[in-house]
N, C-alpha and C. Protein backbone atom coordinates (compact mmCIF):
# COMPACT_ATOMS: atom_id res chain seq x y z
N UNK A 1 -1.85 12.93 -3.97
CA UNK A 1 -1.48 11.69 -4.66
C UNK A 1 -3.28 11.98 -5.61
N UNK A 2 -2.94 11.67 -7.30
CA UNK A 2 -4.04 12.12 -7.58
C UNK A 2 -5.34 11.20 -7.68
N UNK A 3 -6.07 11.60 -7.28
CA UNK A 3 -7.35 11.06 -7.19
C UNK A 3 -7.90 9.70 -7.71
N UNK A 4 -7.04 9.60 -9.28
CA UNK A 4 -7.34 7.98 -10.21
C UNK A 4 -6.28 7.44 -9.73
N UNK A 5 -5.33 7.68 -8.80
CA UNK A 5 -4.07 7.16 -8.45
C UNK A 5 -5.15 5.83 -7.06
N UNK A 6 -6.17 6.61 -5.89
CA UNK A 6 -6.68 6.43 -5.18
C UNK A 6 -7.33 6.06 -5.52
N UNK A 7 -8.24 5.53 -6.41
CA UNK A 7 -8.79 4.75 -7.33
C UNK A 7 -8.44 3.09 -7.60
N UNK A 8 -7.14 3.31 -7.64
CA UNK A 8 -6.37 2.15 -7.39
C UNK A 8 -6.52 0.80 -6.40
N UNK A 9 -7.06 -0.27 -6.13
CA UNK A 9 -6.96 -0.61 -5.13
C UNK A 9 -5.29 -1.21 -5.23
N UNK A 10 -5.40 -1.50 -3.85
CA UNK A 10 -4.44 -2.55 -3.58
C UNK A 10 -3.39 -2.84 -4.44
N UNK A 11 -4.50 -4.03 -4.79
CA UNK A 11 -3.54 -5.36 -5.55
C UNK A 11 -3.51 -5.01 -6.75
N UNK A 12 -4.04 -4.65 -7.03
CA UNK A 12 -4.00 -3.34 -8.78
C UNK A 12 -2.94 -3.34 -9.09
N UNK A 13 -2.85 -2.03 -8.27
CA UNK A 13 -1.26 -1.17 -8.12
C UNK A 13 0.33 -1.96 -7.15
N UNK A 14 -0.39 -3.60 -6.91
CA UNK A 14 1.21 -4.33 -6.67
C UNK A 14 1.60 -4.99 -7.63
N UNK A 15 0.39 -5.54 -8.09
CA UNK A 15 0.42 -5.96 -10.09
C UNK A 15 1.01 -5.09 -10.57
N UNK A 16 0.79 -3.95 -10.89
CA UNK A 16 1.11 -2.97 -12.26
C UNK A 16 2.63 -2.75 -11.49
N UNK A 17 2.88 -2.41 -10.20
CA UNK A 17 4.17 -1.94 -9.84
C UNK A 17 4.97 -3.34 -10.32
N UNK A 18 4.40 -4.39 -9.84
CA UNK A 18 5.53 -5.70 -10.08
C UNK A 18 5.94 -5.87 -11.91
N UNK A 19 4.50 -5.68 -12.37
CA UNK A 19 5.18 -5.08 -14.13
C UNK A 19 6.07 -3.86 -14.31
N UNK A 20 6.07 -3.29 -14.01
CA UNK A 20 6.78 -2.02 -13.97
C UNK A 20 8.84 -2.41 -13.97
N UNK A 21 8.62 -3.64 -12.35
CA UNK A 21 9.92 -3.54 -11.63
C UNK A 21 10.63 -4.28 -13.13
N UNK A 22 9.52 -5.39 -13.27
CA UNK A 22 9.85 -6.13 -14.44
C UNK A 22 11.05 -6.26 -15.47
N UNK A 23 9.72 -4.76 -16.21
CA UNK A 23 10.81 -4.25 -17.71
C UNK A 23 11.64 -3.49 -17.24
N UNK A 24 11.78 -2.58 -15.79
CA UNK A 24 12.97 -1.70 -15.81
C UNK A 24 14.38 -2.92 -15.67
N UNK A 25 13.82 -3.94 -14.92
CA UNK A 25 14.88 -5.39 -14.49
C UNK A 25 15.49 -5.74 -16.51
N UNK A 26 14.63 -6.27 -16.79
CA UNK A 26 15.21 -6.07 -18.41
C UNK A 26 15.89 -6.04 -19.00
N UNK A 27 15.57 -4.82 -18.72
CA UNK A 27 16.52 -3.47 -20.13
C UNK A 27 15.51 -3.22 -21.42
N UNK A 28 16.62 -2.91 -22.14
CA UNK A 28 16.10 -2.60 -23.16
C UNK A 28 15.32 -1.47 -23.45
N UNK A 29 15.50 -0.57 -22.85
CA UNK A 29 14.59 0.32 -22.92
C UNK A 29 15.13 1.93 -22.84
N UNK A 30 14.20 2.50 -23.63
CA UNK A 30 14.99 3.74 -23.76
C UNK A 30 15.48 4.80 -22.78
N UNK A 31 16.30 5.67 -22.53
CA UNK A 31 16.01 6.41 -21.13
C UNK A 31 14.71 6.96 -20.72
N UNK A 32 13.78 7.60 -21.36
CA UNK A 32 13.29 8.77 -21.43
C UNK A 32 12.36 7.47 -21.30
N UNK A 33 11.86 5.94 -21.96
CA UNK A 33 11.27 5.25 -21.04
C UNK A 33 11.37 4.95 -19.87
N UNK A 34 12.34 4.60 -19.13
CA UNK A 34 12.57 4.15 -17.95
C UNK A 34 12.99 5.27 -16.94
N UNK A 35 12.95 6.57 -17.56
CA UNK A 35 12.39 7.71 -16.89
C UNK A 35 10.85 7.59 -16.58
N UNK A 36 9.99 7.44 -17.46
CA UNK A 36 8.62 7.04 -17.25
C UNK A 36 8.35 6.05 -15.99
N UNK A 37 8.80 4.68 -16.77
CA UNK A 37 8.52 3.90 -16.50
C UNK A 37 8.82 3.80 -14.20
N UNK A 38 9.94 4.74 -14.03
CA UNK A 38 10.37 4.83 -12.66
C UNK A 38 9.08 5.72 -12.17
N UNK A 39 9.04 6.84 -12.52
CA UNK A 39 7.65 7.53 -12.31
C UNK A 39 6.60 6.90 -11.48
N UNK A 40 6.92 6.23 -12.64
CA UNK A 40 5.33 5.56 -12.38
C UNK A 40 5.12 4.19 -11.12
N UNK A 41 6.35 3.59 -11.14
CA UNK A 41 6.73 3.01 -9.76
C UNK A 41 6.18 3.87 -8.97
N UNK A 42 6.93 5.23 -8.65
CA UNK A 42 6.95 5.98 -8.08
C UNK A 42 5.62 5.98 -7.03
N UNK A 43 4.92 6.27 -8.03
CA UNK A 43 3.43 6.45 -7.94
C UNK A 43 2.53 4.93 -7.47
N UNK A 44 2.86 4.44 -7.80
CA UNK A 44 2.75 3.07 -7.72
C UNK A 44 2.46 2.74 -6.21
N UNK A 45 4.17 2.91 -5.99
CA UNK A 45 4.89 2.52 -4.47
C UNK A 45 3.56 3.51 -3.04
N UNK A 46 3.02 5.07 -3.32
CA UNK A 46 2.43 5.36 -2.91
C UNK A 46 1.55 4.82 -2.44
N UNK A 47 1.10 4.65 -4.04
CA UNK A 47 -0.51 4.04 -3.88
C UNK A 47 -0.62 2.58 -2.88
N UNK A 48 0.00 2.18 -3.26
CA UNK A 48 0.56 0.60 -2.19
C UNK A 48 1.46 1.07 -0.46
N UNK A 49 2.01 2.03 -0.26
CA UNK A 49 1.89 2.80 0.87
C UNK A 49 0.40 3.15 1.69
N UNK A 50 -0.16 4.18 1.00
CA UNK A 50 -1.48 4.53 0.84
C UNK A 50 -1.82 3.50 2.26
N UNK A 51 -2.80 1.92 1.22
CA UNK A 51 -3.50 1.36 1.45
C UNK A 51 -2.42 0.69 2.40
N UNK A 52 -1.36 0.41 2.62
CA UNK A 52 -1.07 -0.22 3.82
C UNK A 52 -0.65 0.08 4.74
N UNK A 53 -1.12 1.68 4.68
CA UNK A 53 -1.08 2.63 5.96
C UNK A 53 -2.35 2.70 6.80
N UNK A 54 -3.39 2.50 5.40
CA UNK A 54 -5.26 2.55 6.48
C UNK A 54 -5.02 1.27 7.07
N UNK A 55 -4.24 0.06 5.99
CA UNK A 55 -4.77 -1.05 7.18
C UNK A 55 -4.36 -1.11 8.58
N UNK A 56 -2.30 -0.71 9.00
CA UNK A 56 -2.43 -0.84 9.53
C UNK A 56 -2.78 0.01 11.07
N UNK A 57 -3.63 1.16 9.93
CA UNK A 57 -4.25 2.59 11.19
C UNK A 57 -5.56 1.51 11.78
N UNK A 58 -6.17 1.10 10.65
CA UNK A 58 -7.26 -0.24 11.36
C UNK A 58 -6.85 -1.55 11.65
N UNK A 59 -6.17 -1.45 12.17
CA UNK A 59 -5.59 -2.83 12.98
C UNK A 59 -5.40 -2.36 14.59
N UNK A 60 -4.25 -1.43 14.24
CA UNK A 60 -4.28 -0.85 16.13
C UNK A 60 -5.70 -0.08 16.04
N UNK A 61 -6.70 0.33 15.59
CA UNK A 61 -7.93 0.59 15.96
C UNK A 61 -8.28 -0.25 16.72
N UNK A 62 -8.27 -1.15 16.74
CA UNK A 62 -9.40 -2.70 16.79
C UNK A 62 -8.69 -3.47 17.55
N UNK A 63 -6.83 -3.24 18.22
CA UNK A 63 -6.29 -3.58 18.94
C UNK A 63 -6.57 -3.45 20.03
N UNK A 64 -6.12 -1.88 19.57
CA UNK A 64 -6.68 -0.79 21.04
C UNK A 64 -8.43 -0.42 21.67
N UNK A 65 -9.49 -1.36 20.83
CA UNK A 65 -10.64 -1.24 20.80
C UNK A 65 -10.81 -2.66 21.79
N UNK A 66 -10.37 -3.83 21.15
CA UNK A 66 -9.69 -4.65 21.98
C UNK A 66 -9.50 -5.12 23.67
N UNK A 67 -7.97 -3.79 23.95
CA UNK A 67 -7.77 -4.06 24.46
C UNK A 67 -8.11 -3.26 26.01
N UNK A 68 -9.18 -2.36 24.91
CA UNK A 68 -9.88 -1.09 26.15
C UNK A 68 -11.60 -2.03 26.45
N UNK A 69 -11.81 -3.13 26.12
CA UNK A 69 -13.03 -3.81 26.56
C UNK A 69 -12.14 -4.58 27.26
N UNK A 70 -10.85 -5.17 27.02
CA UNK A 70 -10.39 -6.02 28.14
C UNK A 70 -10.40 -5.20 29.76
N UNK A 71 -9.89 -4.33 29.50
CA UNK A 71 -9.66 -3.42 30.51
C UNK A 71 -11.03 -3.05 31.70
N UNK A 72 -11.26 -2.91 31.02
CA UNK A 72 -12.70 -2.04 31.22
C UNK A 72 -13.87 -3.56 32.15
N UNK A 73 -13.38 -4.60 31.59
CA UNK A 73 -14.10 -5.91 32.66
C UNK A 73 -12.98 -6.44 32.52
N UNK A 74 -11.88 -6.03 33.42
CA UNK A 74 -11.48 -6.23 34.65
C UNK A 74 -9.84 -7.78 34.57
N UNK A 75 -10.29 -7.49 32.75
CA UNK A 75 -9.27 -8.87 32.81
C UNK A 75 -9.57 -9.90 33.01
N UNK A 76 -10.71 -10.42 33.26
CA UNK A 76 -11.98 -11.75 33.50
C UNK A 76 -11.54 -12.11 32.65
N UNK A 77 -11.86 -13.62 32.37
CA UNK A 77 -11.98 -14.41 31.27
C UNK A 77 -13.65 -14.51 31.33
N UNK A 78 -14.47 -14.90 30.21
CA UNK A 78 -15.23 -15.81 29.92
C UNK A 78 -16.94 -15.10 30.86
């Protein structure tokens, strides 16, 4: 993934991807324009996937740490 692409935040990439899809669904673009939009959409989808995978890894790590703490505590509450 290009460095410029990783600089995009999730929300920015998602919003641009929505706009790309809207343009493709509306039609009226040349084949060349449609291909360029499709390629941009693929790049944006990769950026979104990257952010979501990172968020998932952080969540999994936090849950694993919580479970380890619970196990070390013997499952006691309070």
